[in-house]
Amino acid sequence: MAPVHVWRNVPFEQVVTTGNHVETEFDNTVYGLSERVVVVGYECPVLAVTIDPTP
């Protein structure tokens, strides 16, 4: 079984504001959002080639 590799970046935060919400009580509301990108990968050989060393 091939080893699984996981890459992830540091969490980053951003502020999301709404300026034109349909309901007036939610208009100009500020939300906090935190995200992290995670990628999972593994090696999977699908082809083997013999290389001739003579030029």
N, C-alpha and C. Protein backbone atom coordinates (compact mmCIF):
# COMPACT_ATOMS: atom_id res chain seq x y z
N MET A 1 0.85 -1.18 0.00
CA MET A 1 0.00 0.00 0.00
C MET A 1 0.90 1.24 0.00
N ALA A 2 0.54 2.21 -0.81
CA ALA A 2 1.33 3.44 -0.92
C ALA A 2 1.06 4.35 0.27
N PRO A 3 2.10 5.05 0.74
CA PRO A 3 1.88 5.98 1.85
C PRO A 3 1.02 7.17 1.41
N VAL A 4 0.22 7.65 2.31
CA VAL A 4 -0.65 8.80 2.04
C VAL A 4 0.03 10.04 2.60
N HIS A 5 0.05 11.12 1.82
CA HIS A 5 0.65 12.38 2.23
C HIS A 5 -0.46 13.41 2.40
N VAL A 6 -0.35 14.21 3.45
CA VAL A 6 -1.34 15.25 3.72
C VAL A 6 -0.60 16.58 3.82
N TRP A 7 -1.01 17.55 3.02
CA TRP A 7 -0.48 18.90 3.09
C TRP A 7 -1.58 19.81 3.56
N ARG A 8 -1.24 20.70 4.48
CA ARG A 8 -2.23 21.68 4.94
C ARG A 8 -1.53 22.98 5.26
N ASN A 9 -2.23 24.08 5.00
CA ASN A 9 -1.65 25.37 5.31
C ASN A 9 -2.17 25.84 6.66
N VAL A 10 -1.62 26.93 7.14
CA VAL A 10 -2.06 27.45 8.43
C VAL A 10 -3.47 28.05 8.26
N PRO A 11 -4.29 27.98 9.29
CA PRO A 11 -5.62 28.59 9.18
C PRO A 11 -5.51 30.10 8.97
N PHE A 12 -6.39 30.63 8.16
CA PHE A 12 -6.40 32.07 7.97
C PHE A 12 -7.81 32.59 8.20
N GLU A 13 -7.87 33.78 8.75
CA GLU A 13 -9.14 34.39 9.11
C GLU A 13 -9.43 35.57 8.20
N GLN A 14 -10.69 35.80 7.96
CA GLN A 14 -11.08 36.99 7.24
C GLN A 14 -12.44 37.44 7.75
N VAL A 15 -12.72 38.71 7.57
CA VAL A 15 -13.99 39.30 8.03
C VAL A 15 -14.90 39.45 6.82
N VAL A 16 -16.14 38.99 6.99
CA VAL A 16 -17.13 39.08 5.92
C VAL A 16 -18.23 40.02 6.40
N THR A 17 -18.52 41.03 5.61
CA THR A 17 -19.61 41.95 5.96
C THR A 17 -20.71 41.86 4.92
N THR A 18 -21.93 42.02 5.38
CA THR A 18 -23.07 42.05 4.46
C THR A 18 -23.62 43.45 4.45
N GLY A 19 -23.80 44.01 3.29
CA GLY A 19 -24.27 45.38 3.20
C GLY A 19 -25.66 45.52 2.63
N ASN A 20 -26.16 44.48 1.98
CA ASN A 20 -27.49 44.60 1.39
C ASN A 20 -28.27 43.30 1.58
N HIS A 21 -28.44 42.91 2.84
CA HIS A 21 -29.19 41.70 3.16
C HIS A 21 -30.67 41.96 2.92
N VAL A 22 -31.40 40.91 2.62
CA VAL A 22 -32.83 41.04 2.32
C VAL A 22 -33.61 41.50 3.55
N GLU A 23 -33.22 40.98 4.72
CA GLU A 23 -33.90 41.36 5.96
C GLU A 23 -33.11 42.47 6.64
N THR A 24 -33.77 43.53 7.05
CA THR A 24 -33.08 44.71 7.57
C THR A 24 -32.33 44.44 8.86
N GLU A 25 -32.78 43.50 9.70
CA GLU A 25 -32.06 43.24 10.96
C GLU A 25 -30.71 42.59 10.73
N PHE A 26 -30.48 42.00 9.55
CA PHE A 26 -29.19 41.40 9.23
C PHE A 26 -28.34 42.29 8.33
N ASP A 27 -28.82 43.48 8.00
CA ASP A 27 -28.06 44.38 7.13
C ASP A 27 -26.85 44.92 7.88
N ASN A 28 -25.71 45.04 7.18
CA ASN A 28 -24.44 45.51 7.76
C ASN A 28 -23.99 44.65 8.93
N THR A 29 -24.13 43.34 8.81
CA THR A 29 -23.68 42.40 9.82
C THR A 29 -22.25 41.98 9.51
N VAL A 30 -21.43 41.76 10.55
CA VAL A 30 -20.04 41.34 10.38
C VAL A 30 -19.91 39.91 10.88
N TYR A 31 -19.32 39.06 10.05
CA TYR A 31 -19.10 37.66 10.41
C TYR A 31 -17.62 37.37 10.39
N GLY A 32 -17.18 36.43 11.24
CA GLY A 32 -15.80 35.96 11.21
C GLY A 32 -15.75 34.62 10.49
N LEU A 33 -14.74 34.44 9.64
CA LEU A 33 -14.61 33.22 8.86
C LEU A 33 -13.18 32.72 8.98
N SER A 34 -13.03 31.44 9.31
CA SER A 34 -11.70 30.84 9.41
C SER A 34 -11.65 29.64 8.47
N GLU A 35 -10.60 29.57 7.66
CA GLU A 35 -10.48 28.49 6.69
C GLU A 35 -9.09 27.87 6.74
N ARG A 36 -9.01 26.63 6.28
CA ARG A 36 -7.74 25.92 6.14
C ARG A 36 -7.84 25.05 4.89
N VAL A 37 -6.80 25.08 4.08
CA VAL A 37 -6.76 24.26 2.87
C VAL A 37 -6.05 22.96 3.19
N VAL A 38 -6.67 21.83 2.84
CA VAL A 38 -6.10 20.50 3.10
C VAL A 38 -6.09 19.73 1.78
N VAL A 39 -4.93 19.14 1.44
CA VAL A 39 -4.79 18.32 0.23
C VAL A 39 -4.26 16.96 0.64
N VAL A 40 -4.88 15.91 0.15
CA VAL A 40 -4.45 14.54 0.44
C VAL A 40 -4.02 13.90 -0.87
N GLY A 41 -2.86 13.23 -0.87
CA GLY A 41 -2.38 12.60 -2.09
C GLY A 41 -1.59 11.34 -1.79
N TYR A 42 -1.45 10.50 -2.81
CA TYR A 42 -0.63 9.30 -2.67
C TYR A 42 0.00 8.98 -4.02
N GLU A 43 1.12 8.26 -3.97
CA GLU A 43 1.81 7.88 -5.20
C GLU A 43 1.19 6.60 -5.74
N CYS A 44 1.00 6.59 -7.04
CA CYS A 44 0.41 5.43 -7.68
C CYS A 44 1.12 5.18 -9.01
N PRO A 45 2.12 4.29 -9.03
CA PRO A 45 2.82 4.04 -10.28
C PRO A 45 1.89 3.33 -11.27
N VAL A 46 1.86 3.84 -12.49
CA VAL A 46 0.98 3.25 -13.49
C VAL A 46 1.74 2.74 -14.71
N LEU A 47 3.05 3.06 -14.81
CA LEU A 47 3.79 2.68 -15.99
C LEU A 47 5.25 2.50 -15.64
N ALA A 48 5.87 1.45 -16.17
CA ALA A 48 7.30 1.21 -16.00
C ALA A 48 7.94 1.16 -17.38
N VAL A 49 9.09 1.80 -17.54
CA VAL A 49 9.77 1.88 -18.84
C VAL A 49 11.21 1.47 -18.64
N THR A 50 11.73 0.66 -19.55
CA THR A 50 13.14 0.27 -19.56
C THR A 50 13.88 1.26 -20.46
N ILE A 51 14.93 1.88 -19.92
CA ILE A 51 15.70 2.88 -20.68
C ILE A 51 17.01 2.26 -21.12
N ASP A 52 17.30 2.36 -22.41
CA ASP A 52 18.54 1.82 -22.97
C ASP A 52 19.67 2.81 -22.68
N PRO A 53 20.75 2.41 -21.97
CA PRO A 53 21.81 3.35 -21.61
C PRO A 53 22.74 3.70 -22.77
N THR A 54 22.69 2.98 -23.88
CA THR A 54 23.59 3.30 -24.99
C THR A 54 23.01 4.43 -25.84
N PRO A 55 23.85 5.41 -26.26
CA PRO A 55 23.32 6.53 -27.06
C PRO A 55 22.98 6.13 -28.48
